[in-house]
Amino acid sequence: MSVDMNSQGSDSNEEDCDPNYPGDIEDYYVGVASDVEQQGADAFDPEEYQFTCFTCKESESALNEHMTILASVLKPRSRHCNRARLHQKKKRKETRRDEA
């Protein structure tokens, strides 16, 4: 049993398949140049975000702090998690010793 695909309904739009069809792309950037020119270099930019990068030591410290908080909230009971906590304690002792 064969099916005539041409007779089947389709959601596709022929305009979308035509590579020469401009669609709404031509109008997409209309007026953008004047918008950019109106903004000064010191204009407020809602997408701008000031940040400072952590050093490796600061990032490790922050991660350990958050993991400790998470572990206290979850209260892990498995042997594997207890070993992880012991490892964290050992790392903290080493870090304190290195800082001194």
C-alpha atoms as a PDB file:
ATOM      1  CA  MET A   1       0.000   0.000   0.000  1.00  0.00           C
ATOM      2  CA  SER A   2       1.562   3.267  -1.066  1.00  0.00           C
ATOM      3  CA  VAL A   3       0.762   6.711   0.220  1.00  0.00           C
ATOM      4  CA  ASP A   4       0.834   9.814  -1.934  1.00  0.00           C
ATOM      5  CA  MET A   5       2.814  12.282   0.187  1.00  0.00           C
ATOM      6  CA  ASN A   6       1.698  15.205  -1.985  1.00  0.00           C
ATOM      7  CA  SER A   7      -1.886  14.638  -0.954  1.00  0.00           C
ATOM      8  CA  GLN A   8      -1.008  14.635   2.742  1.00  0.00           C
ATOM      9  CA  GLY A   9      -1.449  17.857   4.716  1.00  0.00           C
ATOM     10  CA  SER A  10       1.725  19.543   5.781  1.00  0.00           C
ATOM     11  CA  ASP A  11       2.562  22.241   8.294  1.00  0.00           C
ATOM     12  CA  SER A  12       5.592  23.397   6.360  1.00  0.00           C
ATOM     13  CA  ASN A  13       5.507  26.739   4.661  1.00  0.00           C
ATOM     14  CA  GLU A  14       6.989  26.868   1.171  1.00  0.00           C
ATOM     15  CA  GLU A  15       8.324  30.376   1.805  1.00  0.00           C
ATOM     16  CA  ASP A  16      10.551  29.048   4.583  1.00  0.00           C
ATOM     17  CA  CYS A  17      12.267  26.652   2.183  1.00  0.00           C
ATOM     18  CA  ASP A  18      13.002  29.218  -0.537  1.00  0.00           C
ATOM     19  CA  PRO A  19      16.591  30.453  -0.089  1.00  0.00           C
ATOM     20  CA  ASN A  20      15.746  33.653  -1.994  1.00  0.00           C
ATOM     21  CA  TYR A  21      12.852  34.563   0.319  1.00  0.00           C
ATOM     22  CA  PRO A  22      14.061  37.436   2.538  1.00  0.00           C
ATOM     23  CA  GLY A  23      11.415  36.982   5.232  1.00  0.00           C
ATOM     24  CA  ASP A  24      11.590  39.598   7.949  1.00  0.00           C
ATOM     25  CA  ILE A  25      15.396  39.688   8.079  1.00  0.00           C
ATOM     26  CA  GLU A  26      15.536  42.888   6.016  1.00  0.00           C
ATOM     27  CA  ASP A  27      13.499  44.737   8.636  1.00  0.00           C
ATOM     28  CA  TYR A  28      15.237  43.223  11.640  1.00  0.00           C
ATOM     29  CA  TYR A  29      18.039  45.772  11.841  1.00  0.00           C
ATOM     30  CA  VAL A  30      16.105  48.826  10.643  1.00  0.00           C
ATOM     31  CA  GLY A  31      16.814  51.701  13.023  1.00  0.00           C
ATOM     32  CA  VAL A  32      19.416  49.841  15.067  1.00  0.00           C
ATOM     33  CA  ALA A  33      22.321  52.032  13.988  1.00  0.00           C
ATOM     34  CA  SER A  34      20.635  55.141  15.329  1.00  0.00           C
ATOM     35  CA  ASP A  35      19.859  53.361  18.619  1.00  0.00           C
ATOM     36  CA  VAL A  36      23.499  52.508  19.126  1.00  0.00           C
ATOM     37  CA  GLU A  37      24.685  55.991  18.231  1.00  0.00           C
ATOM     38  CA  GLN A  38      22.342  57.574  20.777  1.00  0.00           C
ATOM     39  CA  GLN A  39      23.982  55.716  23.642  1.00  0.00           C
ATOM     40  CA  GLY A  40      27.175  57.178  24.999  1.00  0.00           C
ATOM     41  CA  ALA A  41      30.106  55.124  26.205  1.00  0.00           C
ATOM     42  CA  ASP A  42      29.047  55.737  29.814  1.00  0.00           C
ATOM     43  CA  ALA A  43      25.372  54.848  29.235  1.00  0.00           C
ATOM     44  CA  PHE A  44      23.731  52.307  31.531  1.00  0.00           C
ATOM     45  CA  ASP A  45      23.951  48.800  30.141  1.00  0.00           C
ATOM     46  CA  PRO A  46      21.585  46.333  31.872  1.00  0.00           C
ATOM     47  CA  GLU A  47      23.643  43.391  30.594  1.00  0.00           C
ATOM     48  CA  GLU A  48      26.903  44.663  32.065  1.00  0.00           C
ATOM     49  CA  TYR A  49      28.039  42.915  35.226  1.00  0.00           C
ATOM     50  CA  GLN A  50      31.053  43.807  37.321  1.00  0.00           C
ATOM     51  CA  PHE A  51      32.957  40.848  38.752  1.00  0.00           C
ATOM     52  CA  THR A  52      36.277  39.886  40.222  1.00  0.00           C
ATOM     53  CA  CYS A  53      37.856  36.522  39.468  1.00  0.00           C
ATOM     54  CA  PHE A  54      38.731  34.251  42.379  1.00  0.00           C
ATOM     55  CA  THR A  55      42.202  32.869  42.817  1.00  0.00           C
ATOM     56  CA  CYS A  56      42.481  29.077  42.910  1.00  0.00           C
ATOM     57  CA  LYS A  57      42.737  29.163  46.683  1.00  0.00           C
ATOM     58  CA  GLU A  58      39.654  31.415  47.025  1.00  0.00           C
ATOM     59  CA  SER A  59      37.593  29.259  44.677  1.00  0.00           C
ATOM     60  CA  GLU A  60      38.563  26.076  46.515  1.00  0.00           C
ATOM     61  CA  SER A  61      37.709  27.689  49.837  1.00  0.00           C
ATOM     62  CA  ALA A  62      34.314  28.864  48.562  1.00  0.00           C
ATOM     63  CA  LEU A  63      33.564  25.435  47.106  1.00  0.00           C
ATOM     64  CA  ASN A  64      34.510  23.670  50.332  1.00  0.00           C
ATOM     65  CA  GLU A  65      32.365  26.080  52.344  1.00  0.00           C
ATOM     66  CA  HIS A  66      29.332  25.461  50.135  1.00  0.00           C
ATOM     67  CA  MET A  67      29.898  21.699  50.156  1.00  0.00           C
ATOM     68  CA  THR A  68      30.047  21.725  53.958  1.00  0.00           C
ATOM     69  CA  ILE A  69      26.777  23.646  54.137  1.00  0.00           C
ATOM     70  CA  LEU A  70      25.176  21.294  51.625  1.00  0.00           C
ATOM     71  CA  ALA A  71      26.415  18.230  53.504  1.00  0.00           C
ATOM     72  CA  SER A  72      25.007  19.563  56.776  1.00  0.00           C
ATOM     73  CA  VAL A  73      21.624  20.166  55.144  1.00  0.00           C
ATOM     74  CA  LEU A  74      21.499  16.754  53.462  1.00  0.00           C
ATOM     75  CA  LYS A  75      23.093  14.928  56.398  1.00  0.00           C
ATOM     76  CA  PRO A  76      24.629  12.151  54.321  1.00  0.00           C
ATOM     77  CA  ARG A  77      24.836   8.850  56.109  1.00  0.00           C
ATOM     78  CA  SER A  78      26.599   6.597  53.664  1.00  0.00           C
ATOM     79  CA  ARG A  79      30.137   5.408  54.278  1.00  0.00           C
ATOM     80  CA  HIS A  80      31.267   7.076  51.055  1.00  0.00           C
ATOM     81  CA  CYS A  81      29.968  10.476  52.189  1.00  0.00           C
ATOM     82  CA  ASN A  82      31.603  10.096  55.582  1.00  0.00           C
ATOM     83  CA  ARG A  83      34.905   9.425  53.845  1.00  0.00           C
ATOM     84  CA  ALA A  84      34.385  12.561  51.758  1.00  0.00           C
ATOM     85  CA  ARG A  85      33.811  14.613  54.914  1.00  0.00           C
ATOM     86  CA  LEU A  86      36.986  13.211  56.473  1.00  0.00           C
ATOM     87  CA  HIS A  87      38.852  14.108  53.299  1.00  0.00           C
ATOM     88  CA  GLN A  88      37.454  17.672  53.475  1.00  0.00           C
ATOM     89  CA  LYS A  89      38.547  18.011  57.100  1.00  0.00           C
ATOM     90  CA  LYS A  90      42.025  16.811  56.185  1.00  0.00           C
ATOM     91  CA  LYS A  91      42.202  19.340  53.317  1.00  0.00           C
ATOM     92  CA  ARG A  92      41.070  22.154  55.640  1.00  0.00           C
ATOM     93  CA  LYS A  93      43.773  21.269  58.147  1.00  0.00           C
ATOM     94  CA  GLU A  94      46.382  21.251  55.380  1.00  0.00           C
ATOM     95  CA  THR A  95      45.120  24.609  54.088  1.00  0.00           C
ATOM     96  CA  ARG A  96      45.263  26.164  57.547  1.00  0.00           C
ATOM     97  CA  ARG A  97      48.759  24.796  58.036  1.00  0.00           C
ATOM     98  CA  ASP A  98      49.850  26.233  54.655  1.00  0.00           C
ATOM     99  CA  GLU A  99      48.376  29.646  55.504  1.00  0.00           C
ATOM    100  CA  ALA A 100      50.221  29.825  58.826  1.00  0.00           C
END
